[in-house]
C-alpha atoms as a PDB file:
ATOM      1  CA  MET A   1      11.386 -35.163  44.240  1.00  0.00           C
ATOM      2  CA  SER A   2      12.539 -38.067  42.002  1.00  0.00           C
ATOM      3  CA  ASN A   3       9.638 -39.983  40.123  1.00  0.00           C
ATOM      4  CA  PRO A   4       9.078 -43.325  41.473  1.00  0.00           C
ATOM      5  CA  VAL A   5       9.205 -46.591  39.526  1.00  0.00           C
ATOM      6  CA  ILE A   6       5.557 -47.783  39.891  1.00  0.00           C
ATOM      7  CA  PHE A   7       4.453 -51.449  39.411  1.00  0.00           C
ATOM      8  CA  VAL A   8       1.156 -51.316  38.083  1.00  0.00           C
ATOM      9  CA  SER A   9      -0.699 -54.787  38.747  1.00  0.00           C
ATOM     10  CA  LEU A  10      -3.202 -55.032  35.613  1.00  0.00           C
ATOM     11  CA  GLY A  11      -5.699 -57.485  37.403  1.00  0.00           C
ATOM     12  CA  PRO A  12      -7.059 -60.857  36.387  1.00  0.00           C
ATOM     13  CA  GLY A  13      -7.610 -60.212  32.714  1.00  0.00           C
ATOM     14  CA  GLU A  14     -10.129 -57.883  31.917  1.00  0.00           C
ATOM     15  CA  PRO A  15      -8.676 -54.429  30.828  1.00  0.00           C
ATOM     16  CA  ASP A  16     -12.015 -52.360  32.449  1.00  0.00           C
ATOM     17  CA  LEU A  17     -10.897 -54.066  35.847  1.00  0.00           C
ATOM     18  CA  ILE A  18      -7.875 -51.825  36.700  1.00  0.00           C
ATOM     19  CA  THR A  19      -7.597 -49.319  39.032  1.00  0.00           C
ATOM     20  CA  LEU A  20      -8.299 -46.220  37.898  1.00  0.00           C
ATOM     21  CA  LYS A  21      -5.263 -45.080  39.575  1.00  0.00           C
ATOM     22  CA  GLY A  22      -3.160 -47.880  37.930  1.00  0.00           C
ATOM     23  CA  LEU A  23      -4.306 -46.266  34.426  1.00  0.00           C
ATOM     24  CA  LYS A  24      -3.547 -43.115  35.417  1.00  0.00           C
ATOM     25  CA  ALA A  25       0.051 -44.093  36.274  1.00  0.00           C
ATOM     26  CA  LEU A  26       0.316 -45.871  32.613  1.00  0.00           C
ATOM     27  CA  GLN A  27      -1.624 -42.947  30.657  1.00  0.00           C
ATOM     28  CA  ASN A  28       1.619 -40.697  32.288  1.00  0.00           C
ATOM     29  CA  ALA A  29       4.550 -43.074  32.093  1.00  0.00           C
ATOM     30  CA  ASP A  30       7.456 -42.420  29.567  1.00  0.00           C
ATOM     31  CA  CYS A  31       8.013 -45.980  29.452  1.00  0.00           C
ATOM     32  CA  ILE A  32       6.213 -49.270  30.501  1.00  0.00           C
ATOM     33  CA  PHE A  33       8.146 -52.423  31.155  1.00  0.00           C
ATOM     34  CA  CYS A  34       5.753 -55.121  29.526  1.00  0.00           C
ATOM     35  CA  PRO A  35       6.429 -59.060  29.894  1.00  0.00           C
ATOM     36  CA  GLU A  36       5.886 -61.015  26.643  1.00  0.00           C
ATOM     37  CA  THR A  37       6.693 -64.756  26.142  1.00  0.00           C
ATOM     38  CA  ARG A  38       7.185 -67.279  23.317  1.00  0.00           C
ATOM     39  CA  THR A  39       5.408 -70.392  22.885  1.00  0.00           C
ATOM     40  CA  THR A  40       6.891 -73.844  22.117  1.00  0.00           C
ATOM     41  CA  SER A  41       5.926 -73.115  18.341  1.00  0.00           C
ATOM     42  CA  GLY A  42       7.768 -69.731  18.540  1.00  0.00           C
ATOM     43  CA  ARG A  43       4.757 -67.834  18.618  1.00  0.00           C
ATOM     44  CA  ILE A  44       5.147 -64.132  20.816  1.00  0.00           C
ATOM     45  CA  LEU A  45       2.341 -63.687  23.290  1.00  0.00           C
ATOM     46  CA  SER A  46       1.542 -60.881  25.796  1.00  0.00           C
ATOM     47  CA  ARG A  47      -1.324 -60.783  27.775  1.00  0.00           C
ATOM     48  CA  ALA A  48      -0.328 -57.758  29.753  1.00  0.00           C
ATOM     49  CA  ALA A  49       0.407 -56.015  26.470  1.00  0.00           C
ATOM     50  CA  ASP A  50      -3.077 -57.213  24.960  1.00  0.00           C
ATOM     51  CA  ILE A  51      -4.126 -55.315  28.014  1.00  0.00           C
ATOM     52  CA  LEU A  52      -2.561 -52.159  27.955  1.00  0.00           C
ATOM     53  CA  HIS A  53      -3.398 -51.785  23.889  1.00  0.00           C
ATOM     54  CA  ALA A  54      -7.449 -51.976  24.956  1.00  0.00           C
ATOM     55  CA  LEU A  55      -6.676 -49.409  27.240  1.00  0.00           C
ATOM     56  CA  ASP A  56      -5.397 -47.592  24.237  1.00  0.00           C
ATOM     57  CA  ILE A  57      -1.865 -47.068  25.995  1.00  0.00           C
ATOM     58  CA  PRO A  58       0.727 -46.279  22.880  1.00  0.00           C
ATOM     59  CA  ASN A  59       2.670 -48.716  21.527  1.00  0.00           C
ATOM     60  CA  THR A  60       5.401 -46.618  21.489  1.00  0.00           C
ATOM     61  CA  THR A  61       5.578 -46.147  25.283  1.00  0.00           C
ATOM     62  CA  LEU A  62       5.782 -50.379  25.736  1.00  0.00           C
ATOM     63  CA  SER A  63       9.361 -51.674  26.085  1.00  0.00           C
ATOM     64  CA  ARG A  64       8.409 -55.350  25.846  1.00  0.00           C
ATOM     65  CA  PHE A  65      10.919 -58.028  27.438  1.00  0.00           C
ATOM     66  CA  ALA A  66      10.974 -61.593  26.709  1.00  0.00           C
ATOM     67  CA  LEU A  67      10.130 -63.845  30.133  1.00  0.00           C
ATOM     68  CA  PRO A  68      10.630 -67.431  29.615  1.00  0.00           C
ATOM     69  CA  MET A  69       8.144 -69.564  31.331  1.00  0.00           C
ATOM     70  CA  SER A  70      10.147 -72.536  32.861  1.00  0.00           C
ATOM     71  CA  LYS A  71      10.751 -73.890  36.306  1.00  0.00           C
ATOM     72  CA  ASN A  72      14.233 -73.113  36.408  1.00  0.00           C
ATOM     73  CA  ARG A  73      14.113 -69.478  36.901  1.00  0.00           C
ATOM     74  CA  GLU A  74      17.920 -68.352  35.684  1.00  0.00           C
ATOM     75  CA  GLN A  75      16.819 -67.420  32.403  1.00  0.00           C
ATOM     76  CA  ALA A  76      13.919 -65.332  33.702  1.00  0.00           C
ATOM     77  CA  PHE A  77      16.186 -63.383  36.432  1.00  0.00           C
ATOM     78  CA  ALA A  78      18.417 -62.597  33.710  1.00  0.00           C
ATOM     79  CA  ALA A  79      15.758 -60.693  31.726  1.00  0.00           C
ATOM     80  CA  TYR A  80      14.621 -58.858  35.179  1.00  0.00           C
ATOM     81  CA  ASP A  81      17.779 -57.682  35.832  1.00  0.00           C
ATOM     82  CA  LYS A  82      18.102 -56.421  32.282  1.00  0.00           C
ATOM     83  CA  VAL A  83      14.650 -54.167  33.366  1.00  0.00           C
ATOM     84  CA  TYR A  84      15.959 -53.202  36.383  1.00  0.00           C
ATOM     85  CA  SER A  85      19.268 -51.788  34.819  1.00  0.00           C
ATOM     86  CA  GLU A  86      17.187 -49.972  32.261  1.00  0.00           C
ATOM     87  CA  ALA A  87      14.579 -48.777  34.737  1.00  0.00           C
ATOM     88  CA  SER A  88      17.445 -47.922  36.735  1.00  0.00           C
ATOM     89  CA  LEU A  89      19.164 -45.531  34.157  1.00  0.00           C
ATOM     90  CA  LEU A  90      15.610 -44.181  33.214  1.00  0.00           C
ATOM     91  CA  HIS A  91      14.975 -42.945  36.801  1.00  0.00           C
ATOM     92  CA  LYS A  92      17.864 -41.104  37.301  1.00  0.00           C
ATOM     93  CA  GLU A  93      16.714 -39.269  33.839  1.00  0.00           C
ATOM     94  CA  ASN A  94      13.767 -38.192  36.146  1.00  0.00           C
ATOM     95  CA  LYS A  95      11.493 -40.661  33.606  1.00  0.00           C
ATOM     96  CA  LYS A  96       8.245 -41.619  34.627  1.00  0.00           C
ATOM     97  CA  VAL A  97       8.661 -45.141  34.507  1.00  0.00           C
ATOM     98  CA  CYS A  98       6.089 -48.384  34.752  1.00  0.00           C
ATOM     99  CA  ILE A  99       6.424 -52.022  35.094  1.00  0.00           C
ATOM    100  CA  VAL A 100       3.322 -54.216  34.988  1.00  0.00           C
ATOM    101  CA  ALA A 101       2.131 -57.554  36.124  1.00  0.00           C
ATOM    102  CA  GLU A 102      -0.699 -59.700  35.126  1.00  0.00           C
ATOM    103  CA  GLY A 103      -2.742 -60.465  38.315  1.00  0.00           C
ATOM    104  CA  ASP A 104      -0.846 -58.428  41.152  1.00  0.00           C
ATOM    105  CA  ALA A 105       2.603 -57.225  41.182  1.00  0.00           C
ATOM    106  CA  GLY A 106       2.852 -58.168  44.864  1.00  0.00           C
ATOM    107  CA  PHE A 107       1.125 -61.707  44.799  1.00  0.00           C
ATOM    108  CA  TYR A 108       2.536 -64.696  43.513  1.00  0.00           C
ATOM    109  CA  SER A 109       4.210 -62.372  41.127  1.00  0.00           C
ATOM    110  CA  SER A 110       7.992 -63.100  40.202  1.00  0.00           C
ATOM    111  CA  ILE A 111       8.359 -59.605  38.745  1.00  0.00           C
ATOM    112  CA  HIS A 112       8.614 -58.360  42.852  1.00  0.00           C
ATOM    113  CA  TYR A 113      12.253 -59.356  42.355  1.00  0.00           C
ATOM    114  CA  ILE A 114      13.052 -56.040  40.522  1.00  0.00           C
ATOM    115  CA  PHE A 115      10.942 -54.139  43.068  1.00  0.00           C
ATOM    116  CA  GLU A 116      13.270 -55.401  45.745  1.00  0.00           C
ATOM    117  CA  LYS A 117      16.300 -54.638  43.863  1.00  0.00           C
ATOM    118  CA  LEU A 118      15.110 -51.501  42.965  1.00  0.00           C
ATOM    119  CA  GLN A 119      14.332 -50.951  46.825  1.00  0.00           C
ATOM    120  CA  ALA A 120      17.853 -52.118  47.834  1.00  0.00           C
ATOM    121  CA  ASP A 121      19.553 -49.216  45.716  1.00  0.00           C
ATOM    122  CA  ASN A 122      17.228 -46.939  47.527  1.00  0.00           C
ATOM    123  CA  ILE A 123      15.610 -45.859  44.424  1.00  0.00           C
ATOM    124  CA  PRO A 124      11.505 -45.275  45.139  1.00  0.00           C
ATOM    125  CA  VAL A 125       9.001 -47.517  44.462  1.00  0.00           C
ATOM    126  CA  GLN A 126       5.395 -47.917  44.390  1.00  0.00           C
ATOM    127  CA  HIS A 127       3.062 -50.757  43.835  1.00  0.00           C
ATOM    128  CA  ILE A 128      -0.232 -50.361  42.696  1.00  0.00           C
ATOM    129  CA  VAL A 129      -2.737 -53.184  43.844  1.00  0.00           C
ATOM    130  CA  ASP A 130      -5.010 -54.721  41.163  1.00  0.00           C
ATOM    131  CA  ILE A 131      -8.802 -54.686  42.053  1.00  0.00           C
ATOM    132  CA  VAL A 132      -9.887 -53.201  45.779  1.00  0.00           C
ATOM    133  CA  HIS A 133     -13.038 -52.326  47.301  1.00  0.00           C
ATOM    134  CA  GLN A 134     -14.090 -50.525  50.198  1.00  0.00           C
ATOM    135  CA  ILE A 135     -16.188 -51.990  53.152  1.00  0.00           C
ATOM    136  CA  SER A 136     -14.133 -51.318  56.370  1.00  0.00           C
ATOM    137  CA  GLN A 137     -10.867 -51.407  55.303  1.00  0.00           C
ATOM    138  CA  THR A 138      -9.458 -51.701  52.004  1.00  0.00           C
ATOM    139  CA  ASP A 139      -9.291 -55.487  50.829  1.00  0.00           C
ATOM    140  CA  PHE A 140      -7.500 -57.267  48.052  1.00  0.00           C
ATOM    141  CA  VAL A 141      -9.775 -59.108  45.362  1.00  0.00           C
ATOM    142  CA  SER A 142      -7.367 -61.421  43.247  1.00  0.00           C
ATOM    143  CA  ALA A 143      -7.896 -63.613  40.319  1.00  0.00           C
ATOM    144  CA  PHE A 144      -9.494 -66.244  41.943  1.00  0.00           C
ATOM    145  CA  ILE A 145     -11.956 -63.903  43.238  1.00  0.00           C
ATOM    146  CA  ALA A 146     -12.851 -62.976  40.007  1.00  0.00           C
ATOM    147  CA  ALA A 147     -12.970 -66.463  38.798  1.00  0.00           C
ATOM    148  CA  GLY A 148     -15.422 -67.424  41.455  1.00  0.00           C
ATOM    149  CA  ALA A 149     -17.386 -64.517  39.904  1.00  0.00           C
ATOM    150  CA  CYS A 150     -17.510 -65.932  36.551  1.00  0.00           C
ATOM    151  CA  ALA A 151     -18.633 -69.284  37.783  1.00  0.00           C
ATOM    152  CA  GLY A 152     -21.249 -68.089  40.330  1.00  0.00           C
ATOM    153  CA  LEU A 153     -19.195 -69.806  42.795  1.00  0.00           C
ATOM    154  CA  HIS A 154     -19.252 -69.030  46.339  1.00  0.00           C
ATOM    155  CA  ILE A 155     -15.557 -70.065  47.338  1.00  0.00           C
ATOM    156  CA  ALA A 156     -15.998 -69.973  51.052  1.00  0.00           C
ATOM    157  CA  SER A 157     -18.456 -69.205  53.592  1.00  0.00           C
ATOM    158  CA  GLN A 158     -18.476 -68.467  57.237  1.00  0.00           C
ATOM    159  CA  GLU A 159     -16.054 -70.142  58.907  1.00  0.00           C
ATOM    160  CA  GLU A 160     -14.510 -72.240  55.780  1.00  0.00           C
ATOM    161  CA  ARG A 161     -10.927 -72.061  55.395  1.00  0.00           C
ATOM    162  CA  LEU A 162      -9.473 -71.072  52.332  1.00  0.00           C
ATOM    163  CA  THR A 163      -5.864 -71.538  51.393  1.00  0.00           C
ATOM    164  CA  VAL A 164      -3.636 -70.461  47.975  1.00  0.00           C
ATOM    165  CA  ILE A 165      -1.178 -72.307  46.823  1.00  0.00           C
ATOM    166  CA  PRO A 166       1.170 -71.847  43.717  1.00  0.00           C
ATOM    167  CA  GLY A 167       1.515 -74.437  41.430  1.00  0.00           C
ATOM    168  CA  ILE A 168       3.784 -77.280  43.080  1.00  0.00           C
ATOM    169  CA  ILE A 169       1.786 -79.646  44.794  1.00  0.00           C
ATOM    170  CA  THR A 170       1.293 -83.308  45.032  1.00  0.00           C
ATOM    171  CA  ALA A 171      -1.971 -85.200  45.001  1.00  0.00           C
ATOM    172  CA  GLU A 172      -1.133 -86.452  48.542  1.00  0.00           C
ATOM    173  CA  GLU A 173      -0.912 -82.525  50.027  1.00  0.00           C
ATOM    174  CA  ILE A 174      -4.428 -82.080  47.976  1.00  0.00           C
ATOM    175  CA  GLU A 175      -5.774 -85.221  49.949  1.00  0.00           C
ATOM    176  CA  LYS A 176      -4.450 -83.529  53.192  1.00  0.00           C
ATOM    177  CA  TYR A 177      -5.915 -80.346  52.756  1.00  0.00           C
ATOM    178  CA  MET A 178      -9.103 -81.765  52.247  1.00  0.00           C
ATOM    179  CA  GLU A 179      -9.165 -84.086  54.841  1.00  0.00           C
ATOM    180  CA  GLU A 180      -9.109 -80.931  57.163  1.00  0.00           C
ATOM    181  CA  LYS A 181     -12.451 -79.737  54.645  1.00  0.00           C
ATOM    182  CA  THR A 182      -9.892 -76.615  53.400  1.00  0.00           C
ATOM    183  CA  THR A 183     -10.834 -74.885  50.005  1.00  0.00           C
ATOM    184  CA  ILE A 184      -7.773 -74.383  48.369  1.00  0.00           C
ATOM    185  CA  VAL A 185      -7.012 -72.353  45.397  1.00  0.00           C
ATOM    186  CA  ILE A 186      -3.865 -73.476  43.170  1.00  0.00           C
ATOM    187  CA  MET A 187      -2.295 -70.991  40.910  1.00  0.00           C
ATOM    188  CA  LYS A 188      -0.500 -71.664  37.816  1.00  0.00           C
ATOM    189  CA  LEU A 189      -1.247 -74.849  36.779  1.00  0.00           C
ATOM    190  CA  SER A 190       0.872 -75.757  33.971  1.00  0.00           C
ATOM    191  CA  GLN A 191       3.506 -76.308  37.026  1.00  0.00           C
ATOM    192  CA  CYS A 192       1.638 -79.135  38.334  1.00  0.00           C
ATOM    193  CA  THR A 193      -0.207 -80.821  35.480  1.00  0.00           C
ATOM    194  CA  GLU A 194       0.541 -84.647  36.404  1.00  0.00           C
ATOM    195  CA  GLU A 195      -0.225 -84.397  39.509  1.00  0.00           C
ATOM    196  CA  ILE A 196      -3.911 -82.561  39.389  1.00  0.00           C
ATOM    197  CA  HIS A 197      -4.976 -85.441  36.619  1.00  0.00           C
ATOM    198  CA  ARG A 198      -3.371 -88.141  39.360  1.00  0.00           C
ATOM    199  CA  CYS A 199      -5.451 -86.656  41.924  1.00  0.00           C
ATOM    200  CA  ILE A 200      -8.556 -86.372  39.851  1.00  0.00           C
ATOM    201  CA  HIS A 201      -8.023 -90.326  39.061  1.00  0.00           C
ATOM    202  CA  LEU A 202      -7.504 -90.913  42.761  1.00  0.00           C
ATOM    203  CA  HIS A 203     -10.658 -88.439  44.041  1.00  0.00           C
ATOM    204  CA  PRO A 204     -13.032 -87.804  41.301  1.00  0.00           C
ATOM    205  CA  GLU A 205     -15.549 -87.514  44.478  1.00  0.00           C
ATOM    206  CA  TYR A 206     -14.044 -83.786  45.150  1.00  0.00           C
ATOM    207  CA  ASN A 207     -15.533 -80.523  43.723  1.00  0.00           C
ATOM    208  CA  TYR A 208     -12.774 -79.317  40.876  1.00  0.00           C
ATOM    209  CA  HIS A 209     -13.604 -76.080  39.307  1.00  0.00           C
ATOM    210  CA  TYR A 210     -11.022 -75.184  36.661  1.00  0.00           C
ATOM    211  CA  PHE A 211     -10.439 -71.691  35.270  1.00  0.00           C
ATOM    212  CA  GLU A 212      -8.423 -70.188  32.297  1.00  0.00           C
ATOM    213  CA  ASN A 213      -7.560 -66.843  30.932  1.00  0.00           C
ATOM    214  CA  THR A 214     -10.089 -65.211  33.215  1.00  0.00           C
ATOM    215  CA  GLY A 215     -11.184 -61.800  32.145  1.00  0.00           C
ATOM    216  CA  THR A 216     -10.289 -62.283  28.615  1.00  0.00           C
ATOM    217  CA  GLU A 217     -12.229 -63.318  25.484  1.00  0.00           C
ATOM    218  CA  LYS A 218     -10.444 -66.897  25.868  1.00  0.00           C
ATOM    219  CA  GLU A 219     -11.831 -67.521  29.093  1.00  0.00           C
ATOM    220  CA  LYS A 220     -12.555 -70.801  30.231  1.00  0.00           C
ATOM    221  CA  TYR A 221     -14.860 -72.421  33.267  1.00  0.00           C
ATOM    222  CA  LEU A 222     -15.138 -76.404  33.637  1.00  0.00           C
ATOM    223  CA  HIS A 223     -16.661 -78.598  36.570  1.00  0.00           C
ATOM    224  CA  ASP A 224     -16.512 -81.817  34.662  1.00  0.00           C
ATOM    225  CA  THR A 225     -13.770 -83.819  35.946  1.00  0.00           C
ATOM    226  CA  GLU A 226     -12.960 -86.214  32.567  1.00  0.00           C
ATOM    227  CA  LEU A 227     -12.913 -82.444  30.614  1.00  0.00           C
ATOM    228  CA  ILE A 228     -10.398 -80.933  33.192  1.00  0.00           C
ATOM    229  CA  SER A 229      -8.277 -84.379  33.288  1.00  0.00           C
ATOM    230  CA  ALA A 230      -7.976 -84.103  29.562  1.00  0.00           C
ATOM    231  CA  LEU A 231      -6.534 -80.752  29.656  1.00  0.00           C
ATOM    232  CA  SER A 232      -3.021 -79.594  29.201  1.00  0.00           C
ATOM    233  CA  PHE A 233      -2.726 -76.739  31.706  1.00  0.00           C
ATOM    234  CA  PRO A 234      -1.607 -73.318  30.256  1.00  0.00           C
ATOM    235  CA  TYR A 235       0.224 -70.849  32.421  1.00  0.00           C
ATOM    236  CA  PHE A 236      -2.866 -68.613  33.248  1.00  0.00           C
ATOM    237  CA  SER A 237      -4.858 -71.274  34.553  1.00  0.00           C
ATOM    238  CA  LEU A 238      -6.010 -71.725  38.254  1.00  0.00           C
ATOM    239  CA  LEU A 239      -8.329 -74.655  39.812  1.00  0.00           C
ATOM    240  CA  ILE A 240     -10.499 -74.256  43.059  1.00  0.00           C
ATOM    241  CA  ILE A 241     -10.651 -77.425  45.037  1.00  0.00           C
ATOM    242  CA  ARG A 242     -13.648 -77.911  47.575  1.00  0.00           C
ATOM    243  CA  HIS A 243     -14.381 -81.021  50.036  1.00  0.00           C
ATOM    244  CA  SER A 244     -17.561 -82.598  48.486  1.00  0.00           C
ATOM    245  CA  THR A 245     -19.155 -82.169  51.625  1.00  0.00           C
ATOM    246  CA  PHE A 246     -18.951 -78.441  50.838  1.00  0.00           C
END
């Protein structure tokens, strides 16, 4: 039986939070596809590569690919198509291939596009989730849970509702959730910076909890609305908004 292409979720950012199963897959891999981005100043960044280096994964195993951060996804899909083609060829050679994603590969991760293309070609694929814990069943713990732990924040309790939203939202939509007394988590804030700033201006009474680079040395947590509204949000950021009565 041929080796599956394994999608390894790296978790919220702290290397020690990767699952043992994910670590073993990385250690046994012949090739690990790892995304990197270029800043407006031309600097190359890869939080995924930083995590892999911290886990002592040899650099010779990594195949880094440029992933443009833009609302126009054509360039990103072109990058993914290239990874898909290379991963397919390596699979045919019976190589052990991993493709990594920050956070979880199946939760608001565009890299799942490659997973679906491989699946469509009947190439065996496997998805290793990020942090899991056992209660009576396996539960997924995502980046915002780690962020809440960082702030000592009880995100939702008893019968409170929680909604997780990608970073495309308006101030009016946030108002609607608050009227319904629903706690919301907004991921990837760089896509809705102006709307978040506008919402804070309109509703300073809401409880805003801002997180950036959770689980890394650059981790940041802010609760002060003036400080949050002055920020230009990076890609790896999230916001938890709760009604003022919570």
